[in-house]
Amino acid sequence: MEKIPQGFYTLTYRFRILNGEEQIFEKTKDLYNQLASFFLKIYFETPSLGQVPAGRLLREMEKMVVPARGCRSAPVEFPFGKVPSYFRRAAVNGAIAAARQMENRGAKWSGMLLQMAPVFYKDYK
């Protein structure tokens, strides 16, 4: 009987980037890292967020910067203007993951800009 090897494999996709798109990707990455750093700062400056369950943390952080209907302003000013909600939420989730990782290691946030890879979504037409 033939022995079947066990293991795993990695599937890699390669995309062709057209001329001019490199700048778009770099600007998107910069904006993502600025957003994630902004939300990380909010997380560490608001001690009560450390007690919020993981399932509600995203919503609580969004409520701090996105004004509710009928309200004049949110408690924290959002300096980035209009940002698509999926992109903003991805940055919040990245900031939460970075904050939890820092807390587990016992590290303190020093105010530096995060360097994370943003999530890109393919547009289906």
PDB file of N, CA and C in Angstrom:
ATOM      1  N   MET A   1       0.845  -1.177   0.000  1.00  0.00           N
ATOM      2  CA  MET A   1       0.000   0.000   0.000  1.00  0.00           C
ATOM      3  C   MET A   1       0.892   1.243   0.000  1.00  0.00           C
ATOM      4  N   GLU A   2       0.556   2.185  -0.840  1.00  0.00           N
ATOM      5  CA  GLU A   2       1.355   3.418  -0.980  1.00  0.00           C
ATOM      6  C   GLU A   2       1.035   4.386   0.150  1.00  0.00           C
ATOM      7  N   LYS A   3       2.088   4.925   0.743  1.00  0.00           N
ATOM      8  CA  LYS A   3       1.910   5.875   1.838  1.00  0.00           C
ATOM      9  C   LYS A   3       1.673   7.275   1.266  1.00  0.00           C
ATOM     10  N   ILE A   4       0.608   7.937   1.729  1.00  0.00           N
ATOM     11  CA  ILE A   4       0.260   9.278   1.251  1.00  0.00           C
ATOM     12  C   ILE A   4       0.967  10.301   2.132  1.00  0.00           C
ATOM     13  N   PRO A   5       1.777  11.170   1.526  1.00  0.00           N
ATOM     14  CA  PRO A   5       2.471  12.173   2.340  1.00  0.00           C
ATOM     15  C   PRO A   5       1.474  13.188   2.903  1.00  0.00           C
ATOM     16  N   GLN A   6       1.707  13.570   4.157  1.00  0.00           N
ATOM     17  CA  GLN A   6       0.842  14.554   4.790  1.00  0.00           C
ATOM     18  C   GLN A   6       1.593  15.867   4.896  1.00  0.00           C
ATOM     19  N   GLY A   7       0.871  16.947   4.839  1.00  0.00           N
ATOM     20  CA  GLY A   7       1.494  18.264   4.929  1.00  0.00           C
ATOM     21  C   GLY A   7       0.525  19.330   4.472  1.00  0.00           C
ATOM     22  N   PHE A   8       1.079  20.411   4.039  1.00  0.00           N
ATOM     23  CA  PHE A   8       0.250  21.504   3.560  1.00  0.00           C
ATOM     24  C   PHE A   8       0.935  22.145   2.366  1.00  0.00           C
ATOM     25  N   TYR A   9       0.214  22.998   1.702  1.00  0.00           N
ATOM     26  CA  TYR A   9       0.785  23.719   0.582  1.00  0.00           C
ATOM     27  C   TYR A   9       0.374  25.178   0.666  1.00  0.00           C
ATOM     28  N   THR A  10       1.115  26.006   0.009  1.00  0.00           N
ATOM     29  CA  THR A  10       0.831  27.430  -0.035  1.00  0.00           C
ATOM     30  C   THR A  10       0.471  27.805  -1.463  1.00  0.00           C
ATOM     31  N   LEU A  11      -0.625  28.498  -1.608  1.00  0.00           N
ATOM     32  CA  LEU A  11      -1.068  28.953  -2.907  1.00  0.00           C
ATOM     33  C   LEU A  11      -0.795  30.449  -3.003  1.00  0.00           C
ATOM     34  N   THR A  12      -0.084  30.853  -4.010  1.00  0.00           N
ATOM     35  CA  THR A  12       0.285  32.256  -4.178  1.00  0.00           C
ATOM     36  C   THR A  12      -0.350  32.804  -5.444  1.00  0.00           C
ATOM     37  N   TYR A  13      -0.952  33.971  -5.309  1.00  0.00           N
ATOM     38  CA  TYR A  13      -1.506  34.659  -6.466  1.00  0.00           C
ATOM     39  C   TYR A  13      -0.608  35.838  -6.801  1.00  0.00           C
ATOM     40  N   ARG A  14      -0.389  36.061  -8.046  1.00  0.00           N
ATOM     41  CA  ARG A  14       0.410  37.196  -8.481  1.00  0.00           C
ATOM     42  C   ARG A  14      -0.488  38.080  -9.350  1.00  0.00           C
ATOM     43  N   PHE A  15      -0.532  39.349  -8.993  1.00  0.00           N
ATOM     44  CA  PHE A  15      -1.351  40.297  -9.740  1.00  0.00           C
ATOM     45  C   PHE A  15      -0.443  41.248 -10.505  1.00  0.00           C
ATOM     46  N   ARG A  16      -0.865  41.641 -11.666  1.00  0.00           N
ATOM     47  CA  ARG A  16      -0.104  42.595 -12.441  1.00  0.00           C
ATOM     48  C   ARG A  16      -0.595  43.997 -12.084  1.00  0.00           C
ATOM     49  N   ILE A  17       0.319  44.827 -11.638  1.00  0.00           N
ATOM     50  CA  ILE A  17      -0.020  46.197 -11.278  1.00  0.00           C
ATOM     51  C   ILE A  17       0.288  47.082 -12.476  1.00  0.00           C
ATOM     52  N   LEU A  18      -0.699  47.828 -12.897  1.00  0.00           N
ATOM     53  CA  LEU A  18      -0.536  48.693 -14.062  1.00  0.00           C
ATOM     54  C   LEU A  18       0.189  49.976 -13.673  1.00  0.00           C
ATOM     55  N   ASN A  19       0.684  50.678 -14.663  1.00  0.00           N
ATOM     56  CA  ASN A  19       1.406  51.925 -14.406  1.00  0.00           C
ATOM     57  C   ASN A  19       0.524  52.912 -13.660  1.00  0.00           C
ATOM     58  N   GLY A  20       1.058  53.507 -12.634  1.00  0.00           N
ATOM     59  CA  GLY A  20       0.334  54.492 -11.856  1.00  0.00           C
ATOM     60  C   GLY A  20      -0.381  53.919 -10.652  1.00  0.00           C
ATOM     61  N   GLU A  21      -0.627  52.613 -10.646  1.00  0.00           N
ATOM     62  CA  GLU A  21      -1.331  52.013  -9.531  1.00  0.00           C
ATOM     63  C   GLU A  21      -0.448  51.866  -8.294  1.00  0.00           C
ATOM     64  N   GLU A  22       0.882  51.863  -8.491  1.00  0.00           N
ATOM     65  CA  GLU A  22       1.771  51.745  -7.331  1.00  0.00           C
ATOM     66  C   GLU A  22       1.551  52.908  -6.371  1.00  0.00           C
ATOM     67  N   GLN A  23       1.358  54.103  -6.918  1.00  0.00           N
ATOM     68  CA  GLN A  23       1.144  55.281  -6.079  1.00  0.00           C
ATOM     69  C   GLN A  23      -0.181  55.169  -5.322  1.00  0.00           C
ATOM     70  N   ILE A  24      -1.188  54.629  -5.969  1.00  0.00           N
ATOM     71  CA  ILE A  24      -2.482  54.449  -5.317  1.00  0.00           C
ATOM     72  C   ILE A  24      -2.346  53.477  -4.154  1.00  0.00           C
ATOM     73  N   PHE A  25      -1.620  52.372  -4.372  1.00  0.00           N
ATOM     74  CA  PHE A  25      -1.422  51.397  -3.302  1.00  0.00           C
ATOM     75  C   PHE A  25      -0.639  51.995  -2.139  1.00  0.00           C
ATOM     76  N   GLU A  26       0.378  52.784  -2.429  1.00  0.00           N
ATOM     77  CA  GLU A  26       1.177  53.409  -1.366  1.00  0.00           C
ATOM     78  C   GLU A  26       0.349  54.421  -0.570  1.00  0.00           C
ATOM     79  N   LYS A  27      -0.455  55.229  -1.264  1.00  0.00           N
ATOM     80  CA  LYS A  27      -1.314  56.190  -0.563  1.00  0.00           C
ATOM     81  C   LYS A  27      -2.357  55.478   0.293  1.00  0.00           C
ATOM     82  N   THR A  28      -2.899  54.386  -0.230  1.00  0.00           N
ATOM     83  CA  THR A  28      -3.875  53.612   0.524  1.00  0.00           C
ATOM     84  C   THR A  28      -3.235  53.016   1.770  1.00  0.00           C
ATOM     85  N   LYS A  29      -2.040  52.485   1.633  1.00  0.00           N
ATOM     86  CA  LYS A  29      -1.326  51.911   2.777  1.00  0.00           C
ATOM     87  C   LYS A  29      -1.021  52.983   3.819  1.00  0.00           C
ATOM     88  N   ASP A  30      -0.592  54.163   3.366  1.00  0.00           N
ATOM     89  CA  ASP A  30      -0.311  55.257   4.300  1.00  0.00           C
ATOM     90  C   ASP A  30      -1.567  55.679   5.063  1.00  0.00           C
ATOM     91  N   LEU A  31      -2.691  55.820   4.344  1.00  0.00           N
ATOM     92  CA  LEU A  31      -3.948  56.196   4.991  1.00  0.00           C
ATOM     93  C   LEU A  31      -4.384  55.123   5.987  1.00  0.00           C
ATOM     94  N   TYR A  32      -4.259  53.867   5.612  1.00  0.00           N
ATOM     95  CA  TYR A  32      -4.628  52.758   6.496  1.00  0.00           C
ATOM     96  C   TYR A  32      -3.805  52.793   7.783  1.00  0.00           C
ATOM     97  N   ASN A  33      -2.503  52.999   7.655  1.00  0.00           N
ATOM     98  CA  ASN A  33      -1.633  53.032   8.832  1.00  0.00           C
ATOM     99  C   ASN A  33      -1.917  54.257   9.704  1.00  0.00           C
ATOM    100  N   GLN A  34      -2.252  55.379   9.096  1.00  0.00           N
ATOM    101  CA  GLN A  34      -2.618  56.567   9.879  1.00  0.00           C
ATOM    102  C   GLN A  34      -3.926  56.319  10.636  1.00  0.00           C
ATOM    103  N   LEU A  35      -4.900  55.695   9.967  1.00  0.00           N
ATOM    104  CA  LEU A  35      -6.173  55.373  10.630  1.00  0.00           C
ATOM    105  C   LEU A  35      -5.958  54.395  11.782  1.00  0.00           C
ATOM    106  N   ALA A  36      -5.188  53.337  11.539  1.00  0.00           N
ATOM    107  CA  ALA A  36      -4.944  52.343  12.584  1.00  0.00           C
ATOM    108  C   ALA A  36      -4.217  52.977  13.767  1.00  0.00           C
ATOM    109  N   SER A  37      -3.259  53.847  13.508  1.00  0.00           N
ATOM    110  CA  SER A  37      -2.542  54.523  14.588  1.00  0.00           C
ATOM    111  C   SER A  37      -3.464  55.456  15.364  1.00  0.00           C
ATOM    112  N   PHE A  38      -4.368  56.125  14.661  1.00  0.00           N
ATOM    113  CA  PHE A  38      -5.343  57.005  15.299  1.00  0.00           C
ATOM    114  C   PHE A  38      -6.231  56.214  16.258  1.00  0.00           C
ATOM    115  N   PHE A  39      -6.732  55.065  15.803  1.00  0.00           N
ATOM    116  CA  PHE A  39      -7.593  54.247  16.652  1.00  0.00           C
ATOM    117  C   PHE A  39      -6.814  53.581  17.779  1.00  0.00           C
ATOM    118  N   LEU A  40      -5.562  53.265  17.546  1.00  0.00           N
ATOM    119  CA  LEU A  40      -4.724  52.719  18.615  1.00  0.00           C
ATOM    120  C   LEU A  40      -4.508  53.760  19.707  1.00  0.00           C
ATOM    121  N   LYS A  41      -4.325  55.003  19.296  1.00  0.00           N
ATOM    122  CA  LYS A  41      -4.176  56.101  20.257  1.00  0.00           C
ATOM    123  C   LYS A  41      -5.455  56.244  21.092  1.00  0.00           C
ATOM    124  N   ILE A  42      -6.613  56.179  20.435  1.00  0.00           N
ATOM    125  CA  ILE A  42      -7.888  56.260  21.154  1.00  0.00           C
ATOM    126  C   ILE A  42      -8.010  55.103  22.150  1.00  0.00           C
ATOM    127  N   TYR A  43      -7.604  53.919  21.728  1.00  0.00           N
ATOM    128  CA  TYR A  43      -7.705  52.747  22.602  1.00  0.00           C
ATOM    129  C   TYR A  43      -6.881  52.951  23.873  1.00  0.00           C
ATOM    130  N   PHE A  44      -5.654  53.413  23.730  1.00  0.00           N
ATOM    131  CA  PHE A  44      -4.795  53.554  24.906  1.00  0.00           C
ATOM    132  C   PHE A  44      -5.115  54.796  25.730  1.00  0.00           C
ATOM    133  N   GLU A  45      -5.744  55.807  25.139  1.00  0.00           N
ATOM    134  CA  GLU A  45      -6.115  57.007  25.892  1.00  0.00           C
ATOM    135  C   GLU A  45      -7.458  56.859  26.600  1.00  0.00           C
ATOM    136  N   THR A  46      -8.216  55.826  26.273  1.00  0.00           N
ATOM    137  CA  THR A  46      -9.511  55.600  26.899  1.00  0.00           C
ATOM    138  C   THR A  46      -9.443  54.302  27.701  1.00  0.00           C
ATOM    139  N   PRO A  47      -9.151  54.390  28.994  1.00  0.00           N
ATOM    140  CA  PRO A  47      -8.972  53.173  29.794  1.00  0.00           C
ATOM    141  C   PRO A  47     -10.204  52.269  29.838  1.00  0.00           C
ATOM    142  N   SER A  48     -11.396  52.835  29.709  1.00  0.00           N
ATOM    143  CA  SER A  48     -12.608  52.015  29.785  1.00  0.00           C
ATOM    144  C   SER A  48     -12.729  51.044  28.612  1.00  0.00           C
ATOM    145  N   LEU A  49     -12.047  51.302  27.490  1.00  0.00           N
ATOM    146  CA  LEU A  49     -12.133  50.399  26.342  1.00  0.00           C
ATOM    147  C   LEU A  49     -11.460  49.062  26.613  1.00  0.00           C
ATOM    148  N   GLY A  50     -10.535  49.026  27.559  1.00  0.00           N
ATOM    149  CA  GLY A  50      -9.877  47.767  27.892  1.00  0.00           C
ATOM    150  C   GLY A  50     -10.814  46.774  28.545  1.00  0.00           C
ATOM    151  N   GLN A  51     -11.929  47.252  29.093  1.00  0.00           N
ATOM    152  CA  GLN A  51     -12.893  46.384  29.773  1.00  0.00           C
ATOM    153  C   GLN A  51     -14.039  45.933  28.864  1.00  0.00           C
ATOM    154  N   VAL A  52     -14.112  46.498  27.665  1.00  0.00           N
ATOM    155  CA  VAL A  52     -15.199  46.170  26.734  1.00  0.00           C
ATOM    156  C   VAL A  52     -14.925  44.797  26.116  1.00  0.00           C
ATOM    157  N   PRO A  53     -15.933  43.926  26.051  1.00  0.00           N
ATOM    158  CA  PRO A  53     -15.738  42.613  25.412  1.00  0.00           C
ATOM    159  C   PRO A  53     -15.327  42.761  23.950  1.00  0.00           C
ATOM    160  N   ALA A  54     -14.579  41.794  23.462  1.00  0.00           N
ATOM    161  CA  ALA A  54     -14.025  41.855  22.105  1.00  0.00           C
ATOM    162  C   ALA A  54     -15.105  42.042  21.043  1.00  0.00           C
ATOM    163  N   GLY A  55     -16.261  41.434  21.233  1.00  0.00           N
ATOM    164  CA  GLY A  55     -17.327  41.533  20.242  1.00  0.00           C
ATOM    165  C   GLY A  55     -17.926  42.921  20.110  1.00  0.00           C
ATOM    166  N   ARG A  56     -17.826  43.736  21.143  1.00  0.00           N
ATOM    167  CA  ARG A  56     -18.404  45.085  21.111  1.00  0.00           C
ATOM    168  C   ARG A  56     -17.366  46.191  20.938  1.00  0.00           C
ATOM    169  N   LEU A  57     -16.098  45.845  20.969  1.00  0.00           N
ATOM    170  CA  LEU A  57     -15.055  46.855  20.949  1.00  0.00           C
ATOM    171  C   LEU A  57     -15.037  47.660  19.656  1.00  0.00           C
ATOM    172  N   LEU A  58     -15.219  47.001  18.527  1.00  0.00           N
ATOM    173  CA  LEU A  58     -15.252  47.705  17.241  1.00  0.00           C
ATOM    174  C   LEU A  58     -16.348  48.760  17.242  1.00  0.00           C
ATOM    175  N   ARG A  59     -17.531  48.389  17.671  1.00  0.00           N
ATOM    176  CA  ARG A  59     -18.671  49.308  17.674  1.00  0.00           C
ATOM    177  C   ARG A  59     -18.442  50.462  18.638  1.00  0.00           C
ATOM    178  N   GLU A  60     -17.880  50.180  19.806  1.00  0.00           N
ATOM    179  CA  GLU A  60     -17.630  51.240  20.785  1.00  0.00           C
ATOM    180  C   GLU A  60     -16.610  52.248  20.252  1.00  0.00           C
ATOM    181  N   MET A  61     -15.594  51.768  19.565  1.00  0.00           N
ATOM    182  CA  MET A  61     -14.597  52.686  19.018  1.00  0.00           C
ATOM    183  C   MET A  61     -15.177  53.508  17.869  1.00  0.00           C
ATOM    184  N   GLU A  62     -16.035  52.898  17.068  1.00  0.00           N
ATOM    185  CA  GLU A  62     -16.683  53.645  15.992  1.00  0.00           C
ATOM    186  C   GLU A  62     -17.605  54.724  16.539  1.00  0.00           C
ATOM    187  N   LYS A  63     -18.319  54.417  17.612  1.00  0.00           N
ATOM    188  CA  LYS A  63     -19.234  55.407  18.195  1.00  0.00           C
ATOM    189  C   LYS A  63     -18.486  56.618  18.732  1.00  0.00           C
ATOM    190  N   MET A  64     -17.215  56.449  19.029  1.00  0.00           N
ATOM    191  CA  MET A  64     -16.436  57.573  19.541  1.00  0.00           C
ATOM    192  C   MET A  64     -16.076  58.582  18.450  1.00  0.00           C
ATOM    193  N   VAL A  65     -16.031  58.142  17.183  1.00  0.00           N
ATOM    194  CA  VAL A  65     -15.608  59.056  16.113  1.00  0.00           C
ATOM    195  C   VAL A  65     -16.684  59.333  15.076  1.00  0.00           C
ATOM    196  N   VAL A  66     -17.690  58.486  14.981  1.00  0.00           N
ATOM    197  CA  VAL A  66     -18.751  58.675  13.983  1.00  0.00           C
ATOM    198  C   VAL A  66     -19.976  59.231  14.694  1.00  0.00           C
ATOM    199  N   PRO A  67     -20.442  60.429  14.303  1.00  0.00           N
ATOM    200  CA  PRO A  67     -21.610  60.994  14.972  1.00  0.00           C
ATOM    201  C   PRO A  67     -22.872  60.189  14.673  1.00  0.00           C
ATOM    202  N   ALA A  68     -23.706  60.047  15.682  1.00  0.00           N
ATOM    203  CA  ALA A  68     -24.972  59.340  15.514  1.00  0.00           C
ATOM    204  C   ALA A  68     -25.970  60.253  14.805  1.00  0.00           C
ATOM    205  N   ARG A  69     -27.020  59.661  14.283  1.00  0.00           N
ATOM    206  CA  ARG A  69     -28.048  60.461  13.617  1.00  0.00           C
ATOM    207  C   ARG A  69     -28.681  61.397  14.632  1.00  0.00           C
ATOM    208  N   GLY A  70     -28.820  62.645  14.264  1.00  0.00           N
ATOM    209  CA  GLY A  70     -29.431  63.621  15.141  1.00  0.00           C
ATOM    210  C   GLY A  70     -28.465  64.279  16.104  1.00  0.00           C
ATOM    211  N   CYS A  71     -27.245  63.763  16.213  1.00  0.00           N
ATOM    212  CA  CYS A  71     -26.247  64.380  17.098  1.00  0.00           C
ATOM    213  C   CYS A  71     -25.403  65.358  16.291  1.00  0.00           C
ATOM    214  N   ARG A  72     -24.930  66.362  16.932  1.00  0.00           N
ATOM    215  CA  ARG A  72     -24.126  67.358  16.231  1.00  0.00           C
ATOM    216  C   ARG A  72     -22.704  66.898  15.998  1.00  0.00           C
ATOM    217  N   SER A  73     -22.113  66.217  16.973  1.00  0.00           N
ATOM    218  CA  SER A  73     -20.736  65.780  16.797  1.00  0.00           C
ATOM    219  C   SER A  73     -20.466  64.539  17.639  1.00  0.00           C
ATOM    220  N   ALA A  74     -19.380  63.866  17.292  1.00  0.00           N
ATOM    221  CA  ALA A  74     -18.939  62.695  18.047  1.00  0.00           C
ATOM    222  C   ALA A  74     -17.995  63.158  19.157  1.00  0.00           C
ATOM    223  N   PRO A  75     -17.794  62.339  20.182  1.00  0.00           N
ATOM    224  CA  PRO A  75     -16.908  62.740  21.284  1.00  0.00           C
ATOM    225  C   PRO A  75     -15.471  63.014  20.856  1.00  0.00           C
ATOM    226  N   VAL A  76     -14.957  62.284  19.856  1.00  0.00           N
ATOM    227  CA  VAL A  76     -13.592  62.471  19.372  1.00  0.00           C
ATOM    228  C   VAL A  76     -13.662  62.940  17.928  1.00  0.00           C
ATOM    229  N   GLU A  77     -12.935  63.996  17.612  1.00  0.00           N
ATOM    230  CA  GLU A  77     -12.937  64.510  16.239  1.00  0.00           C
ATOM    231  C   GLU A  77     -12.184  63.561  15.322  1.00  0.00           C
ATOM    232  N   PHE A  78     -12.790  63.234  14.191  1.00  0.00           N
ATOM    233  CA  PHE A  78     -12.194  62.338  13.203  1.00  0.00           C
ATOM    234  C   PHE A  78     -11.541  63.194  12.126  1.00  0.00           C
ATOM    235  N   PRO A  79     -10.204  63.276  12.092  1.00  0.00           N
ATOM    236  CA  PRO A  79      -9.529  64.221  11.202  1.00  0.00           C
ATOM    237  C   PRO A  79      -9.361  63.756   9.758  1.00  0.00           C
ATOM    238  N   PHE A  80      -9.926  62.622   9.384  1.00  0.00           N
ATOM    239  CA  PHE A  80      -9.678  62.069   8.055  1.00  0.00           C
ATOM    240  C   PHE A  80     -10.798  62.317   7.057  1.00  0.00           C
ATOM    241  N   GLY A  81     -11.827  63.015   7.452  1.00  0.00           N
ATOM    242  CA  GLY A  81     -12.936  63.266   6.536  1.00  0.00           C
ATOM    243  C   GLY A  81     -13.762  62.012   6.318  1.00  0.00           C
ATOM    244  N   LYS A  82     -14.308  61.874   5.117  1.00  0.00           N
ATOM    245  CA  LYS A  82     -15.122  60.699   4.811  1.00  0.00           C
ATOM    246  C   LYS A  82     -14.218  59.551   4.379  1.00  0.00           C
ATOM    247  N   VAL A  83     -14.349  58.448   5.090  1.00  0.00           N
ATOM    248  CA  VAL A  83     -13.599  57.227   4.796  1.00  0.00           C
ATOM    249  C   VAL A  83     -14.619  56.112   4.654  1.00  0.00           C
ATOM    250  N   PRO A  84     -14.495  55.270   3.632  1.00  0.00           N
ATOM    251  CA  PRO A  84     -15.454  54.174   3.490  1.00  0.00           C
ATOM    252  C   PRO A  84     -15.506  53.304   4.755  1.00  0.00           C
ATOM    253  N   SER A  85     -16.700  52.881   5.115  1.00  0.00           N
ATOM    254  CA  SER A  85     -16.878  52.175   6.387  1.00  0.00           C
ATOM    255  C   SER A  85     -16.100  50.862   6.454  1.00  0.00           C
ATOM    256  N   TYR A  86     -16.039  50.106   5.363  1.00  0.00           N
ATOM    257  CA  TYR A  86     -15.281  48.849   5.394  1.00  0.00           C
ATOM    258  C   TYR A  86     -13.796  49.120   5.644  1.00  0.00           C
ATOM    259  N   PHE A  87     -13.284  50.164   5.032  1.00  0.00           N
ATOM    260  CA  PHE A  87     -11.875  50.521   5.200  1.00  0.00           C
ATOM    261  C   PHE A  87     -11.616  50.987   6.634  1.00  0.00           C
ATOM    262  N   ARG A  88     -12.516  51.810   7.156  1.00  0.00           N
ATOM    263  CA  ARG A  88     -12.379  52.306   8.526  1.00  0.00           C
ATOM    264  C   ARG A  88     -12.452  51.150   9.522  1.00  0.00           C
ATOM    265  N   ARG A  89     -13.388  50.246   9.313  1.00  0.00           N
ATOM    266  CA  ARG A  89     -13.538  49.101  10.218  1.00  0.00           C
ATOM    267  C   ARG A  89     -12.343  48.164  10.149  1.00  0.00           C
ATOM    268  N   ALA A  90     -11.770  48.000   8.963  1.00  0.00           N
ATOM    269  CA  ALA A  90     -10.560  47.177   8.843  1.00  0.00           C
ATOM    270  C   ALA A  90      -9.418  47.804   9.635  1.00  0.00           C
ATOM    271  N   ALA A  91      -9.306  49.137   9.588  1.00  0.00           N
ATOM    272  CA  ALA A  91      -8.263  49.826  10.352  1.00  0.00           C
ATOM    273  C   ALA A  91      -8.512  49.704  11.853  1.00  0.00           C
ATOM    274  N   VAL A  92      -9.775  49.790  12.269  1.00  0.00           N
ATOM    275  CA  VAL A  92     -10.103  49.630  13.697  1.00  0.00           C
ATOM    276  C   VAL A  92      -9.739  48.222  14.153  1.00  0.00           C
ATOM    277  N   ASN A  93     -10.085  47.216  13.364  1.00  0.00           N
ATOM    278  CA  ASN A  93      -9.747  45.837  13.727  1.00  0.00           C
ATOM    279  C   ASN A  93      -8.237  45.629  13.785  1.00  0.00           C
ATOM    280  N   GLY A  94      -7.505  46.256  12.869  1.00  0.00           N
ATOM    281  CA  GLY A  94      -6.044  46.183  12.914  1.00  0.00           C
ATOM    282  C   GLY A  94      -5.485  46.827  14.168  1.00  0.00           C
ATOM    283  N   ALA A  95      -6.065  47.968  14.555  1.00  0.00           N
ATOM    284  CA  ALA A  95      -5.623  48.662  15.768  1.00  0.00           C
ATOM    285  C   ALA A  95      -5.942  47.834  17.014  1.00  0.00           C
ATOM    286  N   ILE A  96      -7.105  47.198  17.036  1.00  0.00           N
ATOM    287  CA  ILE A  96      -7.473  46.352  18.173  1.00  0.00           C
ATOM    288  C   ILE A  96      -6.505  45.176  18.289  1.00  0.00           C
ATOM    289  N   ALA A  97      -6.187  44.550  17.163  1.00  0.00           N
ATOM    290  CA  ALA A  97      -5.251  43.424  17.183  1.00  0.00           C
ATOM    291  C   ALA A  97      -3.873  43.879  17.669  1.00  0.00           C
ATOM    292  N   ALA A  98      -3.419  45.041  17.202  1.00  0.00           N
ATOM    293  CA  ALA A  98      -2.117  45.561  17.640  1.00  0.00           C
ATOM    294  C   ALA A  98      -2.135  45.892  19.129  1.00  0.00           C
ATOM    295  N   ALA A  99      -3.233  46.471  19.608  1.00  0.00           N
ATOM    296  CA  ALA A  99      -3.339  46.819  21.026  1.00  0.00           C
ATOM    297  C   ALA A  99      -3.333  45.572  21.907  1.00  0.00           C
ATOM    298  N   ARG A 100      -4.082  44.566  21.517  1.00  0.00           N
ATOM    299  CA  ARG A 100      -4.123  43.330  22.300  1.00  0.00           C
ATOM    300  C   ARG A 100      -2.751  42.646  22.300  1.00  0.00           C
ATOM    301  N   GLN A 101      -2.075  42.690  21.164  1.00  0.00           N
ATOM    302  CA  GLN A 101      -0.743  42.093  21.086  1.00  0.00           C
ATOM    303  C   GLN A 101       0.238  42.849  21.985  1.00  0.00           C
ATOM    304  N   MET A 102       0.149  44.176  21.997  1.00  0.00           N
ATOM    305  CA  MET A 102       1.014  44.982  22.870  1.00  0.00           C
ATOM    306  C   MET A 102       0.718  44.689  24.342  1.00  0.00           C
ATOM    307  N   GLU A 103      -0.554  44.577  24.682  1.00  0.00           N
ATOM    308  CA  GLU A 103      -0.929  44.290  26.066  1.00  0.00           C
ATOM    309  C   GLU A 103      -0.429  42.923  26.508  1.00  0.00           C
ATOM    310  N   ASN A 104      -0.504  41.937  25.625  1.00  0.00           N
ATOM    311  CA  ASN A 104      -0.044  40.595  25.971  1.00  0.00           C
ATOM    312  C   ASN A 104       1.466  40.539  26.187  1.00  0.00           C
ATOM    313  N   ARG A 105       2.207  41.367  25.444  1.00  0.00           N
ATOM    314  CA  ARG A 105       3.658  41.404  25.598  1.00  0.00           C
ATOM    315  C   ARG A 105       4.094  42.356  26.711  1.00  0.00           C
ATOM    316  N   GLY A 106       3.161  43.142  27.222  1.00  0.00           N
ATOM    317  CA  GLY A 106       3.509  44.105  28.263  1.00  0.00           C
ATOM    318  C   GLY A 106       4.163  45.357  27.721  1.00  0.00           C
ATOM    319  N   ALA A 107       4.055  45.588  26.422  1.00  0.00           N
ATOM    320  CA  ALA A 107       4.665  46.757  25.793  1.00  0.00           C
ATOM    321  C   ALA A 107       3.737  47.957  25.902  1.00  0.00           C
ATOM    322  N   LYS A 108       4.291  49.123  25.869  1.00  0.00           N
ATOM    323  CA  LYS A 108       3.536  50.376  25.888  1.00  0.00           C
ATOM    324  C   LYS A 108       3.598  51.005  24.504  1.00  0.00           C
ATOM    325  N   TRP A 109       2.516  51.678  24.144  1.00  0.00           N
ATOM    326  CA  TRP A 109       2.479  52.365  22.858  1.00  0.00           C
ATOM    327  C   TRP A 109       3.177  53.696  23.002  1.00  0.00           C
ATOM    328  N   SER A 110       4.112  53.964  22.097  1.00  0.00           N
ATOM    329  CA  SER A 110       4.922  55.177  22.202  1.00  0.00           C
ATOM    330  C   SER A 110       4.471  56.281  21.258  1.00  0.00           C
ATOM    331  N   GLY A 111       3.371  56.107  20.582  1.00  0.00           N
ATOM    332  CA  GLY A 111       2.874  57.139  19.681  1.00  0.00           C
ATOM    333  C   GLY A 111       3.420  57.023  18.271  1.00  0.00           C
ATOM    334  N   MET A 112       4.157  55.979  17.985  1.00  0.00           N
ATOM    335  CA  MET A 112       4.709  55.822  16.643  1.00  0.00           C
ATOM    336  C   MET A 112       3.639  55.344  15.663  1.00  0.00           C
ATOM    337  N   LEU A 113       3.867  55.598  14.398  1.00  0.00           N
ATOM    338  CA  LEU A 113       2.941  55.204  13.342  1.00  0.00           C
ATOM    339  C   LEU A 113       3.066  53.702  13.102  1.00  0.00           C
ATOM    340  N   LEU A 114       1.943  53.022  13.075  1.00  0.00           N
ATOM    341  CA  LEU A 114       1.944  51.588  12.809  1.00  0.00           C
ATOM    342  C   LEU A 114       2.341  51.325  11.367  1.00  0.00           C
ATOM    343  N   GLN A 115       2.954  50.193  11.137  1.00  0.00           N
ATOM    344  CA  GLN A 115       3.293  49.753   9.784  1.00  0.00           C
ATOM    345  C   GLN A 115       2.629  48.407   9.554  1.00  0.00           C
ATOM    346  N   MET A 116       1.403  48.470   9.050  1.00  0.00           N
ATOM    347  CA  MET A 116       0.612  47.265   8.812  1.00  0.00           C
ATOM    348  C   MET A 116       0.225  47.214   7.344  1.00  0.00           C
ATOM    349  N   ALA A 117      -0.040  46.019   6.867  1.00  0.00           N
ATOM    350  CA  ALA A 117      -0.487  45.857   5.487  1.00  0.00           C
ATOM    351  C   ALA A 117      -2.004  45.950   5.442  1.00  0.00           C
ATOM    352  N   PRO A 118      -2.546  46.833   4.614  1.00  0.00           N
ATOM    353  CA  PRO A 118      -4.005  46.939   4.526  1.00  0.00           C
ATOM    354  C   PRO A 118      -4.605  45.762   3.772  1.00  0.00           C
ATOM    355  N   VAL A 119      -5.890  45.586   3.968  1.00  0.00           N
ATOM    356  CA  VAL A 119      -6.629  44.552   3.258  1.00  0.00           C
ATOM    357  C   VAL A 119      -7.178  45.181   1.986  1.00  0.00           C
ATOM    358  N   PHE A 120      -6.906  44.562   0.866  1.00  0.00           N
ATOM    359  CA  PHE A 120      -7.432  45.045  -0.410  1.00  0.00           C
ATOM    360  C   PHE A 120      -8.532  44.094  -0.862  1.00  0.00           C
ATOM    361  N   TYR A 121      -9.626  44.657  -1.332  1.00  0.00           N
ATOM    362  CA  TYR A 121     -10.750  43.877  -1.804  1.00  0.00           C
ATOM    363  C   TYR A 121     -10.831  43.999  -3.311  1.00  0.00           C
ATOM    364  N   LYS A 122     -11.091  42.887  -3.978  1.00  0.00           N
ATOM    365  CA  LYS A 122     -11.232  42.907  -5.421  1.00  0.00           C
ATOM    366  C   LYS A 122     -12.614  43.416  -5.774  1.00  0.00           C
ATOM    367  N   ASP A 123     -12.681  44.289  -6.750  1.00  0.00           N
ATOM    368  CA  ASP A 123     -13.946  44.856  -7.190  1.00  0.00           C
ATOM    369  C   ASP A 123     -14.514  43.966  -8.298  1.00  0.00           C
ATOM    370  N   TYR A 124     -15.693  43.412  -8.059  1.00  0.00           N
ATOM    371  CA  TYR A 124     -16.347  42.595  -9.065  1.00  0.00           C
ATOM    372  C   TYR A 124     -17.318  43.447  -9.839  1.00  0.00           C
ATOM    373  N   LYS A 125     -17.219  43.398 -11.138  1.00  0.00           N
ATOM    374  CA  LYS A 125     -18.117  44.197 -11.978  1.00  0.00           C
ATOM    375  C   LYS A 125     -18.967  43.315 -12.833  1.00  0.00           C
TER     376      LYS A 125
END
